[in-house]
C-alpha atoms as a PDB file:
ATOM      1  CA  MET A   1     -15.962  -8.409  -4.863  1.00  0.00           C
ATOM      2  CA  ASN A   2     -16.472  -6.807  -1.464  1.00  0.00           C
ATOM      3  CA  SER A   3     -18.479  -3.624  -1.510  1.00  0.00           C
ATOM      4  CA  ILE A   4     -16.288  -0.582  -2.067  1.00  0.00           C
ATOM      5  CA  SER A   5     -15.871   2.094   0.574  1.00  0.00           C
ATOM      6  CA  PRO A   6     -17.383   5.574   0.330  1.00  0.00           C
ATOM      7  CA  HIS A   7     -13.866   6.966  -0.276  1.00  0.00           C
ATOM      8  CA  LEU A   8     -13.239   4.691  -3.229  1.00  0.00           C
ATOM      9  CA  ASN A   9     -16.697   5.422  -4.582  1.00  0.00           C
ATOM     10  CA  ILE A  10     -16.010   9.195  -4.539  1.00  0.00           C
ATOM     11  CA  MET A  11     -12.662   8.635  -6.292  1.00  0.00           C
ATOM     12  CA  ILE A  12     -14.113   6.459  -9.054  1.00  0.00           C
ATOM     13  CA  LYS A  13     -17.002   8.878  -9.663  1.00  0.00           C
ATOM     14  CA  ALA A  14     -14.569  11.814  -9.867  1.00  0.00           C
ATOM     15  CA  CYS A  15     -12.471   9.919 -12.446  1.00  0.00           C
ATOM     16  CA  GLU A  16     -15.533   9.099 -14.518  1.00  0.00           C
ATOM     17  CA  LYS A  17     -16.621  12.739 -14.493  1.00  0.00           C
ATOM     18  CA  VAL A  18     -13.274  14.177 -15.670  1.00  0.00           C
ATOM     19  CA  SER A  19     -12.706  11.432 -18.228  1.00  0.00           C
ATOM     20  CA  LYS A  20     -15.319  13.127 -20.447  1.00  0.00           C
ATOM     21  CA  VAL A  21     -13.229  16.331 -20.480  1.00  0.00           C
ATOM     22  CA  ILE A  22     -10.035  14.386 -21.210  1.00  0.00           C
ATOM     23  CA  ILE A  23     -11.558  12.346 -24.050  1.00  0.00           C
ATOM     24  CA  ARG A  24     -13.040  15.472 -25.649  1.00  0.00           C
ATOM     25  CA  ASP A  25      -9.758  17.400 -25.415  1.00  0.00           C
ATOM     26  CA  PHE A  26      -7.754  14.436 -26.683  1.00  0.00           C
ATOM     27  CA  GLY A  27     -10.010  14.433 -29.756  1.00  0.00           C
ATOM     28  CA  GLU A  28      -9.487  18.193 -30.155  1.00  0.00           C
ATOM     29  CA  LEU A  29      -5.698  17.806 -30.271  1.00  0.00           C
ATOM     30  CA  GLU A  30      -5.967  16.447 -33.800  1.00  0.00           C
ATOM     31  CA  ASN A  31      -7.274  19.850 -34.944  1.00  0.00           C
ATOM     32  CA  LEU A  32      -4.570  21.734 -33.071  1.00  0.00           C
ATOM     33  CA  GLN A  33      -1.679  19.852 -34.646  1.00  0.00           C
ATOM     34  CA  VAL A  34      -2.210  21.732 -37.909  1.00  0.00           C
ATOM     35  CA  LYS A  35      -2.583  25.173 -36.333  1.00  0.00           C
ATOM     36  CA  LYS A  36       0.172  27.448 -35.075  1.00  0.00           C
ATOM     37  CA  LYS A  37      -1.382  27.626 -31.604  1.00  0.00           C
ATOM     38  CA  GLY A  38       0.656  25.337 -29.375  1.00  0.00           C
ATOM     39  CA  PRO A  39      -0.742  21.932 -28.493  1.00  0.00           C
ATOM     40  CA  LYS A  40       1.511  22.144 -25.399  1.00  0.00           C
ATOM     41  CA  ASP A  41      -0.473  25.076 -23.960  1.00  0.00           C
ATOM     42  CA  PHE A  42      -3.667  23.223 -24.746  1.00  0.00           C
ATOM     43  CA  VAL A  43      -2.526  20.136 -22.799  1.00  0.00           C
ATOM     44  CA  THR A  44      -1.456  22.285 -19.827  1.00  0.00           C
ATOM     45  CA  LYS A  45      -4.940  23.833 -19.812  1.00  0.00           C
ATOM     46  CA  THR A  46      -6.522  20.349 -19.901  1.00  0.00           C
ATOM     47  CA  ASP A  47      -4.301  19.219 -17.033  1.00  0.00           C
ATOM     48  CA  LYS A  48      -5.266  22.230 -14.917  1.00  0.00           C
ATOM     49  CA  ARG A  49      -8.948  21.974 -15.740  1.00  0.00           C
ATOM     50  CA  VAL A  50      -9.040  18.251 -14.906  1.00  0.00           C
ATOM     51  CA  GLU A  51      -7.219  18.841 -11.621  1.00  0.00           C
ATOM     52  CA  LYS A  52      -9.637  21.641 -10.673  1.00  0.00           C
ATOM     53  CA  ILE A  53     -12.664  19.408 -11.297  1.00  0.00           C
ATOM     54  CA  LEU A  54     -11.083  16.527  -9.345  1.00  0.00           C
ATOM     55  CA  ILE A  55     -10.393  18.812  -6.368  1.00  0.00           C
ATOM     56  CA  GLU A  56     -13.990  20.111  -6.480  1.00  0.00           C
ATOM     57  CA  GLU A  57     -15.460  16.599  -6.716  1.00  0.00           C
ATOM     58  CA  LEU A  58     -13.290  15.132  -3.948  1.00  0.00           C
ATOM     59  CA  SER A  59     -13.938  18.145  -1.691  1.00  0.00           C
ATOM     60  CA  LYS A  60     -17.725  17.890  -1.980  1.00  0.00           C
ATOM     61  CA  ASN A  61     -17.945  15.127   0.614  1.00  0.00           C
ATOM     62  CA  LYS A  62     -14.647  15.605   2.425  1.00  0.00           C
ATOM     63  CA  LYS A  63     -14.138  19.351   2.689  1.00  0.00           C
ATOM     64  CA  ASN A  64     -11.452  19.135   5.369  1.00  0.00           C
ATOM     65  CA  TYR A  65      -8.997  16.784   3.619  1.00  0.00           C
ATOM     66  CA  SER A  66      -5.715  18.198   2.297  1.00  0.00           C
ATOM     67  CA  PHE A  67      -4.267  17.669  -1.201  1.00  0.00           C
ATOM     68  CA  ILE A  68      -0.976  16.881  -2.903  1.00  0.00           C
ATOM     69  CA  THR A  69      -1.383  17.561  -6.613  1.00  0.00           C
ATOM     70  CA  GLU A  70       0.777  17.804  -9.694  1.00  0.00           C
ATOM     71  CA  GLU A  71      -0.320  21.247 -10.827  1.00  0.00           C
ATOM     72  CA  THR A  72      -0.969  23.043  -7.532  1.00  0.00           C
ATOM     73  CA  GLY A  73       1.363  21.280  -5.097  1.00  0.00           C
ATOM     74  CA  VAL A  74       0.367  20.903  -1.449  1.00  0.00           C
ATOM     75  CA  ILE A  75      -3.008  22.338  -0.397  1.00  0.00           C
ATOM     76  CA  LYS A  76      -3.385  22.256   3.387  1.00  0.00           C
ATOM     77  CA  ASN A  77      -6.899  22.099   4.777  1.00  0.00           C
ATOM     78  CA  SER A  78      -8.035  21.548   8.374  1.00  0.00           C
ATOM     79  CA  ASP A  79      -7.280  17.797   8.288  1.00  0.00           C
ATOM     80  CA  GLN A  80      -3.544  17.546   7.646  1.00  0.00           C
ATOM     81  CA  ASP A  81      -3.296  13.829   8.391  1.00  0.00           C
ATOM     82  CA  THR A  82      -5.435  12.937   5.376  1.00  0.00           C
ATOM     83  CA  PHE A  83      -4.349  13.785   1.829  1.00  0.00           C
ATOM     84  CA  TRP A  84      -5.793  13.200  -1.599  1.00  0.00           C
ATOM     85  CA  ILE A  85      -2.826  12.662  -3.955  1.00  0.00           C
ATOM     86  CA  ILE A  86      -3.736  13.552  -7.537  1.00  0.00           C
ATOM     87  CA  ASP A  87      -2.169  13.335 -10.974  1.00  0.00           C
ATOM     88  CA  PRO A  88      -4.827  14.666 -13.387  1.00  0.00           C
ATOM     89  CA  ILE A  89      -3.124  13.210 -16.477  1.00  0.00           C
ATOM     90  CA  ASP A  90      -0.113  10.965 -16.053  1.00  0.00           C
ATOM     91  CA  GLY A  91       1.401  10.578 -19.509  1.00  0.00           C
ATOM     92  CA  THR A  92       0.919  14.146 -20.776  1.00  0.00           C
ATOM     93  CA  THR A  93       3.662  13.733 -23.411  1.00  0.00           C
ATOM     94  CA  ASN A  94       1.732  10.785 -24.862  1.00  0.00           C
ATOM     95  CA  PHE A  95      -1.451  12.870 -24.714  1.00  0.00           C
ATOM     96  CA  LEU A  96       0.317  15.751 -26.480  1.00  0.00           C
ATOM     97  CA  HIS A  97       1.440  13.492 -29.344  1.00  0.00           C
ATOM     98  CA  GLY A  98      -1.950  11.867 -29.796  1.00  0.00           C
ATOM     99  CA  ILE A  99      -0.820   8.569 -28.262  1.00  0.00           C
ATOM    100  CA  PRO A 100      -3.773   7.043 -26.356  1.00  0.00           C
ATOM    101  CA  HIS A 101      -1.803   5.887 -23.324  1.00  0.00           C
ATOM    102  CA  PHE A 102      -2.299   8.052 -20.229  1.00  0.00           C
ATOM    103  CA  ALA A 103      -4.309   7.903 -17.017  1.00  0.00           C
ATOM    104  CA  ILE A 104      -5.865   9.737 -14.103  1.00  0.00           C
ATOM    105  CA  SER A 105      -4.321   8.710 -10.796  1.00  0.00           C
ATOM    106  CA  ILE A 106      -5.813   9.364  -7.334  1.00  0.00           C
ATOM    107  CA  ALA A 107      -4.714   8.007  -3.971  1.00  0.00           C
ATOM    108  CA  LEU A 108      -5.852   8.649  -0.414  1.00  0.00           C
ATOM    109  CA  LYS A 109      -3.172   8.817   2.250  1.00  0.00           C
ATOM    110  CA  PHE A 110      -3.949   8.805   5.967  1.00  0.00           C
ATOM    111  CA  ASN A 111      -1.267   9.056   8.670  1.00  0.00           C
ATOM    112  CA  ASN A 112       1.496   8.372   6.131  1.00  0.00           C
ATOM    113  CA  GLU A 113      -0.168   5.230   4.822  1.00  0.00           C
ATOM    114  CA  ILE A 114      -1.849   4.948   1.428  1.00  0.00           C
ATOM    115  CA  LYS A 115      -5.359   3.653   2.091  1.00  0.00           C
ATOM    116  CA  CYS A 116      -6.805   3.431  -1.420  1.00  0.00           C
ATOM    117  CA  GLY A 117      -5.958   4.210  -5.002  1.00  0.00           C
ATOM    118  CA  VAL A 118      -7.571   4.479  -8.427  1.00  0.00           C
ATOM    119  CA  ILE A 119      -5.894   4.545 -11.841  1.00  0.00           C
ATOM    120  CA  TYR A 120      -8.285   5.210 -14.712  1.00  0.00           C
ATOM    121  CA  ASP A 121      -7.379   4.946 -18.391  1.00  0.00           C
ATOM    122  CA  PRO A 122     -10.171   6.951 -20.054  1.00  0.00           C
ATOM    123  CA  ILE A 123      -9.385   5.984 -23.663  1.00  0.00           C
ATOM    124  CA  LYS A 124      -9.306   2.220 -23.093  1.00  0.00           C
ATOM    125  CA  ASN A 125     -11.988   2.532 -20.392  1.00  0.00           C
ATOM    126  CA  GLU A 126      -9.863   0.481 -17.977  1.00  0.00           C
ATOM    127  CA  ILE A 127     -10.052   1.151 -14.271  1.00  0.00           C
ATOM    128  CA  PHE A 128      -7.704  -0.298 -11.649  1.00  0.00           C
ATOM    129  CA  PHE A 129      -8.396   0.260  -7.969  1.00  0.00           C
ATOM    130  CA  ALA A 130      -7.423  -1.046  -4.563  1.00  0.00           C
ATOM    131  CA  GLU A 131      -8.100  -0.525  -0.910  1.00  0.00           C
ATOM    132  CA  LYS A 132      -5.995  -1.463   2.089  1.00  0.00           C
ATOM    133  CA  ASN A 133      -6.788  -5.059   3.164  1.00  0.00           C
ATOM    134  CA  ASN A 134      -9.529  -5.358   0.541  1.00  0.00           C
ATOM    135  CA  GLY A 135      -7.677  -6.474  -2.598  1.00  0.00           C
ATOM    136  CA  SER A 136      -7.006  -5.010  -6.032  1.00  0.00           C
ATOM    137  CA  PHE A 137      -9.436  -4.912  -8.916  1.00  0.00           C
ATOM    138  CA  PHE A 138      -9.485  -4.291 -12.651  1.00  0.00           C
ATOM    139  CA  ASN A 139     -12.934  -3.378 -14.011  1.00  0.00           C
ATOM    140  CA  ASN A 140     -14.433  -5.107 -10.922  1.00  0.00           C
ATOM    141  CA  GLN A 141     -12.472  -8.360 -11.374  1.00  0.00           C
ATOM    142  CA  ARG A 142      -9.974  -9.311  -8.680  1.00  0.00           C
ATOM    143  CA  ILE A 143      -6.358  -9.084  -9.904  1.00  0.00           C
ATOM    144  CA  ARG A 144      -3.058 -10.638  -8.790  1.00  0.00           C
ATOM    145  CA  VAL A 145       0.552  -9.928  -9.675  1.00  0.00           C
ATOM    146  CA  SER A 146       2.281 -12.438 -11.943  1.00  0.00           C
ATOM    147  CA  ASN A 147       3.947 -15.522 -10.438  1.00  0.00           C
ATOM    148  CA  LYS A 148       6.870 -15.890 -12.848  1.00  0.00           C
ATOM    149  CA  ASN A 149      10.144 -16.950 -11.209  1.00  0.00           C
ATOM    150  CA  ASP A 150      12.541 -16.730 -14.141  1.00  0.00           C
ATOM    151  CA  ILE A 151      13.683 -13.120 -14.545  1.00  0.00           C
ATOM    152  CA  GLU A 152      14.512 -13.772 -18.209  1.00  0.00           C
ATOM    153  CA  GLU A 153      10.823 -14.397 -18.889  1.00  0.00           C
ATOM    154  CA  CYS A 154       9.746 -11.220 -17.115  1.00  0.00           C
ATOM    155  CA  LEU A 155       8.928  -7.822 -18.537  1.00  0.00           C
ATOM    156  CA  PHE A 156       9.703  -4.634 -16.610  1.00  0.00           C
ATOM    157  CA  ALA A 157       8.855  -0.976 -17.104  1.00  0.00           C
ATOM    158  CA  THR A 158      10.907   2.125 -16.372  1.00  0.00           C
ATOM    159  CA  ASN A 159      11.867   5.416 -18.036  1.00  0.00           C
ATOM    160  CA  HIS A 160      14.788   6.155 -20.395  1.00  0.00           C
ATOM    161  CA  VAL A 161      17.222   6.688 -17.480  1.00  0.00           C
ATOM    162  CA  GLY A 162      16.275   3.334 -15.975  1.00  0.00           C
ATOM    163  CA  ALA A 163      16.659   1.690 -19.378  1.00  0.00           C
ATOM    164  CA  LYS A 164      20.259   2.915 -19.627  1.00  0.00           C
ATOM    165  CA  ASN A 165      21.063   1.387 -16.254  1.00  0.00           C
ATOM    166  CA  SER A 166      19.577  -2.059 -16.642  1.00  0.00           C
ATOM    167  CA  ASP A 167      19.771  -5.131 -18.836  1.00  0.00           C
ATOM    168  CA  LEU A 168      16.296  -6.378 -17.878  1.00  0.00           C
ATOM    169  CA  ASN A 169      13.615  -6.963 -20.536  1.00  0.00           C
ATOM    170  CA  LEU A 170      12.093  -3.495 -20.674  1.00  0.00           C
ATOM    171  CA  ARG A 171       9.323  -1.279 -21.913  1.00  0.00           C
ATOM    172  CA  TYR A 172       9.037   2.411 -21.330  1.00  0.00           C
ATOM    173  CA  THR A 173       5.589   3.643 -22.140  1.00  0.00           C
ATOM    174  CA  GLY A 174       5.656   7.187 -20.761  1.00  0.00           C
ATOM    175  CA  CYS A 175       2.939   6.547 -18.183  1.00  0.00           C
ATOM    176  CA  ALA A 176       4.185   5.364 -14.783  1.00  0.00           C
ATOM    177  CA  ALA A 177       0.673   5.076 -13.345  1.00  0.00           C
ATOM    178  CA  LEU A 178      -0.366   2.556 -15.999  1.00  0.00           C
ATOM    179  CA  ASP A 179       2.973   0.730 -15.738  1.00  0.00           C
ATOM    180  CA  LEU A 180       2.259   0.184 -12.037  1.00  0.00           C
ATOM    181  CA  ALA A 181      -1.365  -0.774 -12.650  1.00  0.00           C
ATOM    182  CA  TYR A 182      -0.130  -3.329 -15.203  1.00  0.00           C
ATOM    183  CA  VAL A 183       2.248  -4.825 -12.620  1.00  0.00           C
ATOM    184  CA  GLY A 184      -0.744  -5.201 -10.291  1.00  0.00           C
ATOM    185  CA  ALA A 185      -2.712  -6.907 -13.051  1.00  0.00           C
ATOM    186  CA  GLY A 186       0.165  -9.249 -13.986  1.00  0.00           C
ATOM    187  CA  ARG A 187       0.661  -7.702 -17.436  1.00  0.00           C
ATOM    188  CA  LEU A 188       4.120  -6.526 -16.354  1.00  0.00           C
ATOM    189  CA  ASP A 189       6.339  -8.083 -13.672  1.00  0.00           C
ATOM    190  CA  GLY A 190       7.993  -5.014 -12.185  1.00  0.00           C
ATOM    191  CA  PHE A 191       8.563  -1.270 -12.343  1.00  0.00           C
ATOM    192  CA  PHE A 192      11.464   0.892 -11.208  1.00  0.00           C
ATOM    193  CA  GLN A 193      12.334   4.544 -11.592  1.00  0.00           C
ATOM    194  CA  ASN A 194      14.377   7.168  -9.770  1.00  0.00           C
ATOM    195  CA  LYS A 195      13.396  10.769  -9.068  1.00  0.00           C
ATOM    196  CA  ILE A 196       9.697  10.328  -9.793  1.00  0.00           C
ATOM    197  CA  ASN A 197       6.838  12.251  -8.139  1.00  0.00           C
ATOM    198  CA  ILE A 198       4.616  10.772  -5.437  1.00  0.00           C
ATOM    199  CA  TRP A 199       1.469  11.606  -7.459  1.00  0.00           C
ATOM    200  CA  ASP A 200       2.711   9.355 -10.285  1.00  0.00           C
ATOM    201  CA  VAL A 201       3.105   6.315  -8.035  1.00  0.00           C
ATOM    202  CA  ALA A 202       0.906   6.530  -4.908  1.00  0.00           C
ATOM    203  CA  ALA A 203      -2.185   4.834  -6.370  1.00  0.00           C
ATOM    204  CA  GLY A 204      -0.084   2.273  -8.245  1.00  0.00           C
ATOM    205  CA  ALA A 205       1.802   1.307  -5.083  1.00  0.00           C
ATOM    206  CA  ILE A 206      -1.326   0.201  -3.206  1.00  0.00           C
ATOM    207  CA  ILE A 207      -2.727  -1.538  -6.295  1.00  0.00           C
ATOM    208  CA  ILE A 208       0.460  -3.653  -6.474  1.00  0.00           C
ATOM    209  CA  GLU A 209       0.582  -4.366  -2.725  1.00  0.00           C
ATOM    210  CA  GLU A 210      -3.070  -5.385  -2.582  1.00  0.00           C
ATOM    211  CA  ALA A 211      -2.515  -7.611  -5.634  1.00  0.00           C
ATOM    212  CA  GLY A 212       0.160  -9.502  -3.699  1.00  0.00           C
ATOM    213  CA  GLY A 213       3.237  -7.607  -4.894  1.00  0.00           C
ATOM    214  CA  LYS A 214       5.995  -5.685  -3.133  1.00  0.00           C
ATOM    215  CA  VAL A 215       6.829  -1.988  -3.121  1.00  0.00           C
ATOM    216  CA  ASN A 216       9.667  -0.252  -1.272  1.00  0.00           C
ATOM    217  CA  ASP A 217       8.874   2.326   1.443  1.00  0.00           C
ATOM    218  CA  LEU A 218       7.880   5.507  -0.401  1.00  0.00           C
ATOM    219  CA  ASN A 219       7.779   7.532   2.836  1.00  0.00           C
ATOM    220  CA  LEU A 220      11.583   7.604   2.855  1.00  0.00           C
ATOM    221  CA  PHE A 221      11.575  10.129  -0.008  1.00  0.00           C
ATOM    222  CA  GLU A 222      10.566  13.721  -0.693  1.00  0.00           C
ATOM    223  CA  ILE A 223       7.278  13.985  -2.623  1.00  0.00           C
ATOM    224  CA  ASN A 224       8.988  15.007  -5.878  1.00  0.00           C
ATOM    225  CA  ASP A 225      12.073  12.800  -5.571  1.00  0.00           C
ATOM    226  CA  VAL A 226      10.878   9.220  -5.101  1.00  0.00           C
ATOM    227  CA  ASN A 227      12.971   6.173  -6.041  1.00  0.00           C
ATOM    228  CA  ILE A 228      10.420   3.414  -6.526  1.00  0.00           C
ATOM    229  CA  ARG A 229      10.958  -0.341  -6.792  1.00  0.00           C
ATOM    230  CA  ALA A 230       7.822  -2.406  -7.328  1.00  0.00           C
ATOM    231  CA  ALA A 231       7.337  -5.978  -8.527  1.00  0.00           C
ATOM    232  CA  SER A 232       5.572  -9.265  -7.999  1.00  0.00           C
ATOM    233  CA  SER A 233       6.685 -10.949  -4.754  1.00  0.00           C
ATOM    234  CA  SER A 234       8.337 -13.803  -6.650  1.00  0.00           C
ATOM    235  CA  ILE A 235      10.619 -11.529  -8.689  1.00  0.00           C
ATOM    236  CA  TYR A 236      11.134  -8.493  -6.415  1.00  0.00           C
ATOM    237  CA  SER A 237      14.450  -9.537  -4.831  1.00  0.00           C
ATOM    238  CA  LYS A 238      15.850 -10.661  -8.212  1.00  0.00           C
ATOM    239  CA  MET A 239      14.914  -7.272  -9.692  1.00  0.00           C
ATOM    240  CA  ILE A 240      16.555  -5.446  -6.755  1.00  0.00           C
ATOM    241  CA  GLU A 241      19.756  -7.473  -7.260  1.00  0.00           C
ATOM    242  CA  LYS A 242      19.873  -6.427 -10.903  1.00  0.00           C
ATOM    243  CA  LEU A 243      19.414  -2.779  -9.916  1.00  0.00           C
ATOM    244  CA  GLU A 244      22.031  -2.601  -7.162  1.00  0.00           C
ATOM    245  CA  ASN A 245      23.989   0.116  -8.969  1.00  0.00           C
ATOM    246  CA  PHE A 246      20.946   2.134 -10.055  1.00  0.00           C
END
């Protein structure tokens, strides 16, 4: 692989640092399930703590960059053309129920274009990352979207609302970031969802594009009301046809 940029390096290191907190807290949840104290509050605390560490780590080298984050919202710093977009734990409901399927998602957006993204699954120790014009990678191996042409053989991901509005072969896993990463890696063929947040999909979008897939223009939407359509290039238009009423 080509050498990774300083930006991507900072992002990966930040993910690795917070993954220790997430893994420890995920282990702790087992003990909480039997107590009266709410696991929900515990997960919210984990989310906030992870976000705080990510902001600190990313700000160390780039103090002037702004942020769009799940917990805090928009944080404007002196550079308002460059944003870190962070979801500390995408898949918190899975986390809450002890299901090991969730991820940290970080993207870097400059002048309305996503420049790089990282999706890190701490439990499976799987990392997906991409950089504009530099390809997509899974654990340092180059990845490509699938090349299936027959939509009947394809597997798509969405949420429960998408599932009600489609007759495609579907999974809904409760973690959009990993769904998108899996499309980039060819494990899934497409992903669609309405009214999703930009921090759930920003990193996944560039991973899919750099792996040879297609994603609709996310800039057309408000940050907390995104309708995303993402798939391999060979199946994208067929997926869109199937979703014309969604």
